[in-house]
Each structure stands twice: as C-alpha cells, then as structure tokens.
Amino acid sequence: MNRVVIFLFSMLLAFGARAQVDSIHFQFQDTLLKAGTTHTFKMKVRESISGALGFQFCLQFDPANITFNSINKYYISGWSEDNMNIYPLGNPDLIACAVDVISAPYNGHDMVDFEFNVVNDCRVKDVIRILAAYRFKDGDSYSKSEMFFENDTYPIATEYLPYKPSSTLGIKIENIDTYPNPSVENTFLQFNSKKSGLFTMSVYDTRGQLIKKIPTEVSIGLNKVILSKSQIGSKGAYFVNLDMGDIVITSKLNFID
C-alpha cells in the first residue's frame, strides 16, 4: 500500500512539474554591440530538454544593424548545417531550422553559436529574436517555432538574459579617426599601443559584410598604418576593425574618386 501511495505521489509530482512548462525558452545574452565588430550570439535553452525528440524554429534579425556571417558551432548531436535554411526564399532577415531527430539525449543548455557582423551600435534585445510563427512568402501557411517531446509539443519563446555591460567582457574598444577622410587613394590610421605583434585588421562595408582581412604589424608606441583604396578594392564607405585581443581599434573611412 505504501509503495502504491509513493508511486502515485511521484507520478503527480512529475506531472505537476511537467505541467508548469508552458514553453521552451531560447536565451540570448543582452549587451551593447559596437559598430565594426564581430559578435557571437550564443543561443541557450533555459529548460531541461533531455527528452526532446526534435525541434523547428525561425530566427529573425535586423539586417540594418547586424549581418549574418556564419554558424560556428552546433552543440546538439546530429545537428548540422544540413538542418539550416539561411535566407529562406531570399528573406534577408531570417534563418530557419528543422531538426527532425535528436540522435542522443542532450543534457546541456548551449544550443548554437551564430556569428554576426555589427553595422551600427545596438542592443542584442533590439536586433535578434525567435519568431513564434513564421512563413516565407505570402499565401503559404504559417509554421510555428516548437520543440517536440514524446507526448508533448511546446512553443519556443525568446528570452534575454539581463543586460551585461560591454566593459565586463574585458575588451577595450577605441574609436579613432583616419586622415585624410574622405580620401582619394591613401588614408592613415594613427594610434598608440602598449603591445606588439602581428594582428588582423578586418574591413567591412556599410552592410556589415566582411570585405577583406589585412595582416597588420603593430609595435609598442605610436603606430601609423596606411590603408589604400587599391588595397580594399573600390570607392565607398568602410569600417575597419583592428583586433589585438583585449583592445580593438575601430574607425570609419571613406574612399572617393
């Protein structure tokens, strides 16, 4: 009799805990994004999903402020680029995903790492989210962002982790001017550095698309780096980003005829 009571009580507890889940929450860390930098959006899940069989969702982002670069890592076994639909039917602000089968129970919370280029200063919560319902063209029926379990289907909602100031990330961003700017051919990037070495300067257009990566030698003290229109390719406005680890030098320049 006691065993029966204990069994029924445990079943009620399990049912009650399950019933409290009304949706699955995909999380993003809210922070300030700086123009001309690259940011990795780590998408996490709040709930335990060890019993999940599969899922589908549609990610929407603001292409005026961030532009998609790559997917750096999938954390769930069996999830790969084959499950992703980047810009479905030419939609420039959507990334869709459908994972029919999760091959092994997943006990973690990290889901996937999306890398985006940042065009303008913005907040994470203002530029990326999971759509509750979506369709790729007029006239199509709507699909839903959902996660599937053996006996239940739960909608997927967006949740933003509390704002984390950029300064707590341990990276100092220095915005400096190039001269002359605008320039017909050559412009100069002048800055002081407390470290030396070979670093990478990334050049982005105004849409946030990576145009070129330039190996750049930096010495301790005053540095004067030359950038030329022929080196980049054509006239136009560009953002440059010199990543030295804990220090990032950024600037905006404009080449004209």
C-alpha atoms as a PDB file:
ATOM      1  CA  MET A   1       0.000   0.000   0.000  1.00  0.00           C
ATOM      2  CA  ASN A   2       2.799   2.430   0.929  1.00  0.00           C
ATOM      3  CA  ARG A   3       4.590   1.639  -2.327  1.00  0.00           C
ATOM      4  CA  VAL A   4       1.431   2.418  -4.299  1.00  0.00           C
ATOM      5  CA  VAL A   5       0.979   5.729  -2.484  1.00  0.00           C
ATOM      6  CA  ILE A   6       4.622   6.657  -3.054  1.00  0.00           C
ATOM      7  CA  PHE A   7       4.360   5.706  -6.722  1.00  0.00           C
ATOM      8  CA  LEU A   8       1.188   7.778  -7.233  1.00  0.00           C
ATOM      9  CA  PHE A   9       2.715  10.717  -5.360  1.00  0.00           C
ATOM     10  CA  SER A  10       5.848  10.620  -7.516  1.00  0.00           C
ATOM     11  CA  MET A  11       3.703  10.495 -10.656  1.00  0.00           C
ATOM     12  CA  LEU A  12       1.734  13.516  -9.504  1.00  0.00           C
ATOM     13  CA  LEU A  13       4.953  15.408  -8.806  1.00  0.00           C
ATOM     14  CA  ALA A  14       6.315  14.551 -12.238  1.00  0.00           C
ATOM     15  CA  PHE A  15       3.062  15.541 -13.931  1.00  0.00           C
ATOM     16  CA  GLY A  16       2.890  18.769 -11.946  1.00  0.00           C
ATOM     17  CA  ALA A  17       6.489  19.713 -12.790  1.00  0.00           C
ATOM     18  CA  ARG A  18       5.818  18.978 -16.464  1.00  0.00           C
ATOM     19  CA  ALA A  19       2.560  20.894 -16.477  1.00  0.00           C
ATOM     20  CA  GLN A  20       4.327  24.031 -15.239  1.00  0.00           C
ATOM     21  CA  VAL A  21       6.272  24.211 -18.505  1.00  0.00           C
ATOM     22  CA  ASP A  22       4.238  26.274 -20.966  1.00  0.00           C
ATOM     23  CA  SER A  23       7.035  26.918 -23.449  1.00  0.00           C
ATOM     24  CA  ILE A  24      10.713  26.329 -24.145  1.00  0.00           C
ATOM     25  CA  HIS A  25      12.847  29.460 -23.794  1.00  0.00           C
ATOM     26  CA  PHE A  26      15.758  30.110 -26.160  1.00  0.00           C
ATOM     27  CA  GLN A  27      18.025  32.666 -24.479  1.00  0.00           C
ATOM     28  CA  PHE A  28      20.381  35.384 -25.714  1.00  0.00           C
ATOM     29  CA  GLN A  29      22.740  37.442 -23.541  1.00  0.00           C
ATOM     30  CA  ASP A  30      21.692  41.085 -23.818  1.00  0.00           C
ATOM     31  CA  THR A  31      24.581  43.517 -24.205  1.00  0.00           C
ATOM     32  CA  LEU A  32      25.686  46.507 -26.244  1.00  0.00           C
ATOM     33  CA  LEU A  33      27.093  45.706 -29.693  1.00  0.00           C
ATOM     34  CA  LYS A  34      29.675  48.045 -31.191  1.00  0.00           C
ATOM     35  CA  ALA A  35      29.697  49.036 -34.868  1.00  0.00           C
ATOM     36  CA  GLY A  36      32.505  47.472 -36.899  1.00  0.00           C
ATOM     37  CA  THR A  37      32.942  44.469 -34.594  1.00  0.00           C
ATOM     38  CA  THR A  38      32.006  40.806 -34.906  1.00  0.00           C
ATOM     39  CA  HIS A  39      29.734  39.293 -32.251  1.00  0.00           C
ATOM     40  CA  THR A  40      28.952  35.662 -31.438  1.00  0.00           C
ATOM     41  CA  PHE A  41      25.361  35.140 -30.321  1.00  0.00           C
ATOM     42  CA  LYS A  42      25.339  32.004 -28.151  1.00  0.00           C
ATOM     43  CA  MET A  43      21.775  30.701 -28.142  1.00  0.00           C
ATOM     44  CA  LYS A  44      20.990  28.750 -24.958  1.00  0.00           C
ATOM     45  CA  VAL A  45      17.915  26.968 -23.660  1.00  0.00           C
ATOM     46  CA  ARG A  46      16.584  27.576 -20.141  1.00  0.00           C
ATOM     47  CA  GLU A  47      14.725  24.292 -19.569  1.00  0.00           C
ATOM     48  CA  SER A  48      15.974  20.707 -19.492  1.00  0.00           C
ATOM     49  CA  ILE A  49      15.473  19.226 -22.966  1.00  0.00           C
ATOM     50  CA  SER A  50      16.979  15.766 -22.387  1.00  0.00           C
ATOM     51  CA  GLY A  51      13.718  14.180 -23.570  1.00  0.00           C
ATOM     52  CA  ALA A  52      13.376  16.273 -26.731  1.00  0.00           C
ATOM     53  CA  LEU A  53      12.906  14.372 -29.985  1.00  0.00           C
ATOM     54  CA  GLY A  54      13.302  17.316 -32.378  1.00  0.00           C
ATOM     55  CA  PHE A  55      12.511  20.967 -32.960  1.00  0.00           C
ATOM     56  CA  GLN A  56      11.990  23.702 -35.528  1.00  0.00           C
ATOM     57  CA  PHE A  57      12.359  27.468 -35.269  1.00  0.00           C
ATOM     58  CA  CYS A  58      12.884  30.635 -37.261  1.00  0.00           C
ATOM     59  CA  LEU A  59      15.418  33.257 -36.171  1.00  0.00           C
ATOM     60  CA  GLN A  60      14.780  36.848 -37.215  1.00  0.00           C
ATOM     61  CA  PHE A  61      17.472  39.540 -37.101  1.00  0.00           C
ATOM     62  CA  ASP A  62      17.714  43.182 -38.126  1.00  0.00           C
ATOM     63  CA  PRO A  63      19.943  43.339 -41.241  1.00  0.00           C
ATOM     64  CA  ALA A  64      20.180  47.130 -40.955  1.00  0.00           C
ATOM     65  CA  ASN A  65      22.213  46.688 -37.746  1.00  0.00           C
ATOM     66  CA  ILE A  66      23.711  43.170 -37.882  1.00  0.00           C
ATOM     67  CA  THR A  67      24.504  40.917 -40.842  1.00  0.00           C
ATOM     68  CA  PHE A  68      24.888  37.154 -40.738  1.00  0.00           C
ATOM     69  CA  ASN A  69      28.424  35.814 -41.037  1.00  0.00           C
ATOM     70  CA  SER A  70      28.497  32.130 -40.056  1.00  0.00           C
ATOM     71  CA  ILE A  71      27.388  29.400 -37.658  1.00  0.00           C
ATOM     72  CA  ASN A  72      30.426  28.498 -35.587  1.00  0.00           C
ATOM     73  CA  LYS A  73      29.200  25.565 -33.501  1.00  0.00           C
ATOM     74  CA  TYR A  74      26.257  23.194 -33.040  1.00  0.00           C
ATOM     75  CA  TYR A  75      26.037  21.687 -29.550  1.00  0.00           C
ATOM     76  CA  ILE A  76      23.362  19.010 -30.057  1.00  0.00           C
ATOM     77  CA  SER A  77      24.481  15.712 -31.556  1.00  0.00           C
ATOM     78  CA  GLY A  78      23.281  15.267 -35.131  1.00  0.00           C
ATOM     79  CA  TRP A  79      22.524  18.962 -35.693  1.00  0.00           C
ATOM     80  CA  SER A  80      24.461  20.355 -38.661  1.00  0.00           C
ATOM     81  CA  GLU A  81      24.336  22.905 -41.475  1.00  0.00           C
ATOM     82  CA  ASP A  82      22.122  20.484 -43.387  1.00  0.00           C
ATOM     83  CA  ASN A  83      19.329  21.400 -40.950  1.00  0.00           C
ATOM     84  CA  MET A  84      19.693  25.142 -41.545  1.00  0.00           C
ATOM     85  CA  ASN A  85      17.994  27.303 -44.160  1.00  0.00           C
ATOM     86  CA  ILE A  86      19.838  30.625 -44.429  1.00  0.00           C
ATOM     87  CA  TYR A  87      17.750  33.410 -46.016  1.00  0.00           C
ATOM     88  CA  PRO A  88      14.812  31.099 -46.904  1.00  0.00           C
ATOM     89  CA  LEU A  89      13.309  32.068 -50.279  1.00  0.00           C
ATOM     90  CA  GLY A  90      15.511  35.178 -50.305  1.00  0.00           C
ATOM     91  CA  ASN A  91      14.284  36.634 -46.994  1.00  0.00           C
ATOM     92  CA  PRO A  92      17.300  38.738 -45.905  1.00  0.00           C
ATOM     93  CA  ASP A  93      16.382  38.749 -42.194  1.00  0.00           C
ATOM     94  CA  LEU A  94      15.535  35.096 -41.499  1.00  0.00           C
ATOM     95  CA  ILE A  95      17.374  31.871 -40.628  1.00  0.00           C
ATOM     96  CA  ALA A  96      15.186  28.752 -40.374  1.00  0.00           C
ATOM     97  CA  CYS A  97      15.993  25.412 -38.782  1.00  0.00           C
ATOM     98  CA  ALA A  98      14.335  21.993 -38.628  1.00  0.00           C
ATOM     99  CA  VAL A  99      15.868  19.088 -36.707  1.00  0.00           C
ATOM    100  CA  ASP A 100      13.651  16.041 -37.171  1.00  0.00           C
ATOM    101  CA  VAL A 101      15.544  13.693 -34.868  1.00  0.00           C
ATOM    102  CA  ILE A 102      17.881  14.370 -31.933  1.00  0.00           C
ATOM    103  CA  SER A 103      20.168  11.359 -32.132  1.00  0.00           C
ATOM    104  CA  ALA A 104      21.083  11.227 -28.412  1.00  0.00           C
ATOM    105  CA  PRO A 105      19.612  12.784 -25.240  1.00  0.00           C
ATOM    106  CA  TYR A 106      21.077  16.250 -24.691  1.00  0.00           C
ATOM    107  CA  ASN A 107      21.650  17.349 -21.099  1.00  0.00           C
ATOM    108  CA  GLY A 108      23.302  20.704 -21.788  1.00  0.00           C
ATOM    109  CA  HIS A 109      21.921  24.200 -22.285  1.00  0.00           C
ATOM    110  CA  ASP A 110      24.098  25.640 -25.075  1.00  0.00           C
ATOM    111  CA  MET A 111      22.364  25.294 -28.430  1.00  0.00           C
ATOM    112  CA  VAL A 112      24.258  27.016 -31.245  1.00  0.00           C
ATOM    113  CA  ASP A 113      26.728  29.869 -31.878  1.00  0.00           C
ATOM    114  CA  PHE A 114      25.706  32.412 -34.545  1.00  0.00           C
ATOM    115  CA  GLU A 115      28.328  34.918 -35.684  1.00  0.00           C
ATOM    116  CA  PHE A 116      27.169  38.318 -36.969  1.00  0.00           C
ATOM    117  CA  ASN A 117      28.945  41.463 -38.139  1.00  0.00           C
ATOM    118  CA  VAL A 118      27.749  44.602 -36.333  1.00  0.00           C
ATOM    119  CA  VAL A 119      26.914  47.545 -38.622  1.00  0.00           C
ATOM    120  CA  ASN A 120      25.667  50.088 -36.056  1.00  0.00           C
ATOM    121  CA  ASP A 121      25.814  50.382 -32.272  1.00  0.00           C
ATOM    122  CA  CYS A 122      22.787  48.473 -30.956  1.00  0.00           C
ATOM    123  CA  ARG A 123      21.443  46.222 -28.188  1.00  0.00           C
ATOM    124  CA  VAL A 124      21.065  42.453 -28.569  1.00  0.00           C
ATOM    125  CA  LYS A 125      17.406  42.535 -27.481  1.00  0.00           C
ATOM    126  CA  ASP A 126      16.617  45.002 -30.276  1.00  0.00           C
ATOM    127  CA  VAL A 127      18.114  43.051 -33.191  1.00  0.00           C
ATOM    128  CA  ILE A 128      17.528  39.289 -32.782  1.00  0.00           C
ATOM    129  CA  ARG A 129      14.634  37.040 -31.711  1.00  0.00           C
ATOM    130  CA  ILE A 130      12.844  33.731 -32.291  1.00  0.00           C
ATOM    131  CA  LEU A 131       9.594  34.082 -34.229  1.00  0.00           C
ATOM    132  CA  ALA A 132       6.598  32.371 -32.605  1.00  0.00           C
ATOM    133  CA  ALA A 133       5.034  31.864 -36.054  1.00  0.00           C
ATOM    134  CA  TYR A 134       6.524  32.412 -39.486  1.00  0.00           C
ATOM    135  CA  ARG A 135       6.066  31.969 -43.212  1.00  0.00           C
ATOM    136  CA  PHE A 136       8.472  32.698 -46.032  1.00  0.00           C
ATOM    137  CA  LYS A 137       6.090  34.069 -48.673  1.00  0.00           C
ATOM    138  CA  ASP A 138       2.560  35.368 -48.918  1.00  0.00           C
ATOM    139  CA  GLY A 139      -0.020  32.653 -49.402  1.00  0.00           C
ATOM    140  CA  ASP A 140       1.945  29.982 -47.546  1.00  0.00           C
ATOM    141  CA  SER A 141       0.556  28.548 -44.343  1.00  0.00           C
ATOM    142  CA  TYR A 142       2.240  29.547 -41.096  1.00  0.00           C
ATOM    143  CA  SER A 143       4.710  27.314 -39.249  1.00  0.00           C
ATOM    144  CA  LYS A 144       5.499  27.558 -35.542  1.00  0.00           C
ATOM    145  CA  SER A 145       8.734  27.544 -33.577  1.00  0.00           C
ATOM    146  CA  GLU A 146       8.281  24.376 -31.492  1.00  0.00           C
ATOM    147  CA  MET A 147      10.135  21.630 -29.640  1.00  0.00           C
ATOM    148  CA  PHE A 148       8.778  18.087 -29.765  1.00  0.00           C
ATOM    149  CA  PHE A 149       8.708  15.545 -26.926  1.00  0.00           C
ATOM    150  CA  GLU A 150       7.188  12.074 -26.855  1.00  0.00           C
ATOM    151  CA  ASN A 151       3.796  13.198 -25.568  1.00  0.00           C
ATOM    152  CA  ASP A 152       4.002  17.000 -25.777  1.00  0.00           C
ATOM    153  CA  THR A 153       4.799  19.835 -28.136  1.00  0.00           C
ATOM    154  CA  TYR A 154       5.921  23.151 -26.636  1.00  0.00           C
ATOM    155  CA  PRO A 155       6.222  26.538 -28.354  1.00  0.00           C
ATOM    156  CA  ILE A 156       9.652  28.162 -28.377  1.00  0.00           C
ATOM    157  CA  ALA A 157       9.873  31.679 -26.929  1.00  0.00           C
ATOM    158  CA  THR A 158      12.682  34.256 -26.851  1.00  0.00           C
ATOM    159  CA  GLU A 159      14.249  35.207 -23.524  1.00  0.00           C
ATOM    160  CA  TYR A 160      17.022  37.767 -22.973  1.00  0.00           C
ATOM    161  CA  LEU A 161      19.442  37.320 -20.108  1.00  0.00           C
ATOM    162  CA  PRO A 162      19.931  40.503 -18.012  1.00  0.00           C
ATOM    163  CA  TYR A 163      21.947  43.273 -19.653  1.00  0.00           C
ATOM    164  CA  LYS A 164      25.694  42.797 -19.376  1.00  0.00           C
ATOM    165  CA  PRO A 165      27.785  45.932 -19.998  1.00  0.00           C
ATOM    166  CA  SER A 166      30.448  45.531 -22.670  1.00  0.00           C
ATOM    167  CA  SER A 167      33.151  46.631 -20.225  1.00  0.00           C
ATOM    168  CA  THR A 168      32.652  43.458 -18.170  1.00  0.00           C
ATOM    169  CA  LEU A 169      33.736  41.431 -21.185  1.00  0.00           C
ATOM    170  CA  GLY A 170      37.312  42.661 -20.648  1.00  0.00           C
ATOM    171  CA  ILE A 171      37.638  44.251 -24.110  1.00  0.00           C
ATOM    172  CA  LYS A 172      38.503  47.911 -24.595  1.00  0.00           C
ATOM    173  CA  ILE A 173      37.191  49.487 -27.811  1.00  0.00           C
ATOM    174  CA  GLU A 174      38.979  52.596 -29.112  1.00  0.00           C
ATOM    175  CA  ASN A 175      37.301  54.626 -31.852  1.00  0.00           C
ATOM    176  CA  ILE A 176      39.803  56.762 -33.755  1.00  0.00           C
ATOM    177  CA  ASP A 177      39.717  58.911 -36.890  1.00  0.00           C
ATOM    178  CA  THR A 178      41.594  58.261 -40.116  1.00  0.00           C
ATOM    179  CA  TYR A 179      43.120  61.109 -42.103  1.00  0.00           C
ATOM    180  CA  PRO A 180      42.533  62.349 -44.683  1.00  0.00           C
ATOM    181  CA  ASN A 181      38.908  61.233 -44.648  1.00  0.00           C
ATOM    182  CA  PRO A 182      37.442  61.103 -47.236  1.00  0.00           C
ATOM    183  CA  SER A 183      40.466  60.096 -49.278  1.00  0.00           C
ATOM    184  CA  VAL A 184      41.138  59.621 -52.988  1.00  0.00           C
ATOM    185  CA  GLU A 185      43.797  56.929 -52.520  1.00  0.00           C
ATOM    186  CA  ASN A 186      45.607  56.640 -49.151  1.00  0.00           C
ATOM    187  CA  THR A 187      44.404  57.244 -45.611  1.00  0.00           C
ATOM    188  CA  PHE A 188      46.253  56.825 -42.312  1.00  0.00           C
ATOM    189  CA  LEU A 189      45.230  55.129 -39.086  1.00  0.00           C
ATOM    190  CA  GLN A 190      47.319  56.503 -36.199  1.00  0.00           C
ATOM    191  CA  PHE A 191      47.221  55.120 -32.650  1.00  0.00           C
ATOM    192  CA  ASN A 192      49.335  54.292 -29.623  1.00  0.00           C
ATOM    193  CA  SER A 193      49.815  50.694 -28.498  1.00  0.00           C
ATOM    194  CA  LYS A 194      51.205  49.062 -25.358  1.00  0.00           C
ATOM    195  CA  LYS A 195      51.650  45.746 -27.141  1.00  0.00           C
ATOM    196  CA  SER A 196      53.340  44.493 -30.279  1.00  0.00           C
ATOM    197  CA  GLY A 197      52.780  41.663 -32.730  1.00  0.00           C
ATOM    198  CA  LEU A 198      51.077  40.660 -35.950  1.00  0.00           C
ATOM    199  CA  PHE A 199      47.316  41.198 -35.774  1.00  0.00           C
ATOM    200  CA  THR A 200      44.391  41.121 -38.206  1.00  0.00           C
ATOM    201  CA  MET A 201      42.615  44.200 -39.497  1.00  0.00           C
ATOM    202  CA  SER A 202      39.118  43.416 -40.821  1.00  0.00           C
ATOM    203  CA  VAL A 203      37.411  45.723 -43.332  1.00  0.00           C
ATOM    204  CA  TYR A 204      33.584  45.778 -43.557  1.00  0.00           C
ATOM    205  CA  ASP A 205      31.243  47.622 -45.884  1.00  0.00           C
ATOM    206  CA  THR A 206      28.255  49.603 -44.585  1.00  0.00           C
ATOM    207  CA  ARG A 207      26.065  46.465 -44.712  1.00  0.00           C
ATOM    208  CA  GLY A 208      28.451  44.733 -42.320  1.00  0.00           C
ATOM    209  CA  GLN A 209      29.797  42.339 -44.954  1.00  0.00           C
ATOM    210  CA  LEU A 210      33.443  41.374 -44.474  1.00  0.00           C
ATOM    211  CA  ILE A 211      35.420  42.746 -47.444  1.00  0.00           C
ATOM    212  CA  LYS A 212      38.987  41.885 -46.565  1.00  0.00           C
ATOM    213  CA  LYS A 213      41.319  40.763 -43.783  1.00  0.00           C
ATOM    214  CA  ILE A 214      44.685  42.529 -43.706  1.00  0.00           C
ATOM    215  CA  PRO A 215      47.666  41.249 -41.631  1.00  0.00           C
ATOM    216  CA  THR A 216      48.893  44.276 -39.671  1.00  0.00           C
ATOM    217  CA  GLU A 217      52.186  44.630 -37.790  1.00  0.00           C
ATOM    218  CA  VAL A 218      51.850  46.638 -34.573  1.00  0.00           C
ATOM    219  CA  SER A 219      54.738  47.943 -32.470  1.00  0.00           C
ATOM    220  CA  ILE A 220      54.850  49.410 -28.969  1.00  0.00           C
ATOM    221  CA  GLY A 221      54.318  53.161 -29.044  1.00  0.00           C
ATOM    222  CA  LEU A 222      52.999  55.265 -31.909  1.00  0.00           C
ATOM    223  CA  ASN A 223      51.743  53.381 -34.972  1.00  0.00           C
ATOM    224  CA  LYS A 224      50.792  54.814 -38.359  1.00  0.00           C
ATOM    225  CA  VAL A 225      49.014  52.282 -40.593  1.00  0.00           C
ATOM    226  CA  ILE A 226      48.412  53.106 -44.265  1.00  0.00           C
ATOM    227  CA  LEU A 227      45.186  51.970 -45.950  1.00  0.00           C
ATOM    228  CA  SER A 228      44.725  52.451 -49.700  1.00  0.00           C
ATOM    229  CA  LYS A 229      41.705  52.324 -51.984  1.00  0.00           C
ATOM    230  CA  SER A 230      43.520  49.856 -54.267  1.00  0.00           C
ATOM    231  CA  GLN A 231      44.175  47.627 -51.253  1.00  0.00           C
ATOM    232  CA  ILE A 232      40.460  47.461 -50.421  1.00  0.00           C
ATOM    233  CA  GLY A 233      39.202  47.402 -53.990  1.00  0.00           C
ATOM    234  CA  SER A 234      36.916  50.350 -54.760  1.00  0.00           C
ATOM    235  CA  LYS A 235      35.474  53.638 -53.567  1.00  0.00           C
ATOM    236  CA  GLY A 236      32.908  53.654 -50.784  1.00  0.00           C
ATOM    237  CA  ALA A 237      32.440  53.864 -47.024  1.00  0.00           C
ATOM    238  CA  TYR A 238      34.026  51.189 -44.817  1.00  0.00           C
ATOM    239  CA  PHE A 239      34.518  50.205 -41.193  1.00  0.00           C
ATOM    240  CA  VAL A 240      37.900  48.896 -40.066  1.00  0.00           C
ATOM    241  CA  ASN A 241      38.463  46.766 -37.001  1.00  0.00           C
ATOM    242  CA  LEU A 242      41.976  46.013 -35.719  1.00  0.00           C
ATOM    243  CA  ASP A 243      41.616  43.221 -33.159  1.00  0.00           C
ATOM    244  CA  MET A 244      44.511  42.997 -30.677  1.00  0.00           C
ATOM    245  CA  GLY A 245      42.807  40.705 -28.179  1.00  0.00           C
ATOM    246  CA  ASP A 246      41.851  42.847 -25.183  1.00  0.00           C
ATOM    247  CA  ILE A 247      41.970  46.029 -27.291  1.00  0.00           C
ATOM    248  CA  VAL A 248      40.040  46.661 -30.525  1.00  0.00           C
ATOM    249  CA  ILE A 249      40.842  49.700 -32.682  1.00  0.00           C
ATOM    250  CA  THR A 250      37.896  50.758 -34.844  1.00  0.00           C
ATOM    251  CA  SER A 251      37.438  53.513 -37.389  1.00  0.00           C
ATOM    252  CA  LYS A 252      35.234  54.570 -40.292  1.00  0.00           C
ATOM    253  CA  LEU A 253      36.735  55.704 -43.589  1.00  0.00           C
ATOM    254  CA  ASN A 254      35.511  56.805 -46.997  1.00  0.00           C
ATOM    255  CA  PHE A 255      37.281  56.439 -50.350  1.00  0.00           C
ATOM    256  CA  ILE A 256      36.185  58.677 -53.250  1.00  0.00           C
ATOM    257  CA  ASP A 257      37.196  59.221 -56.896  1.00  0.00           C
END
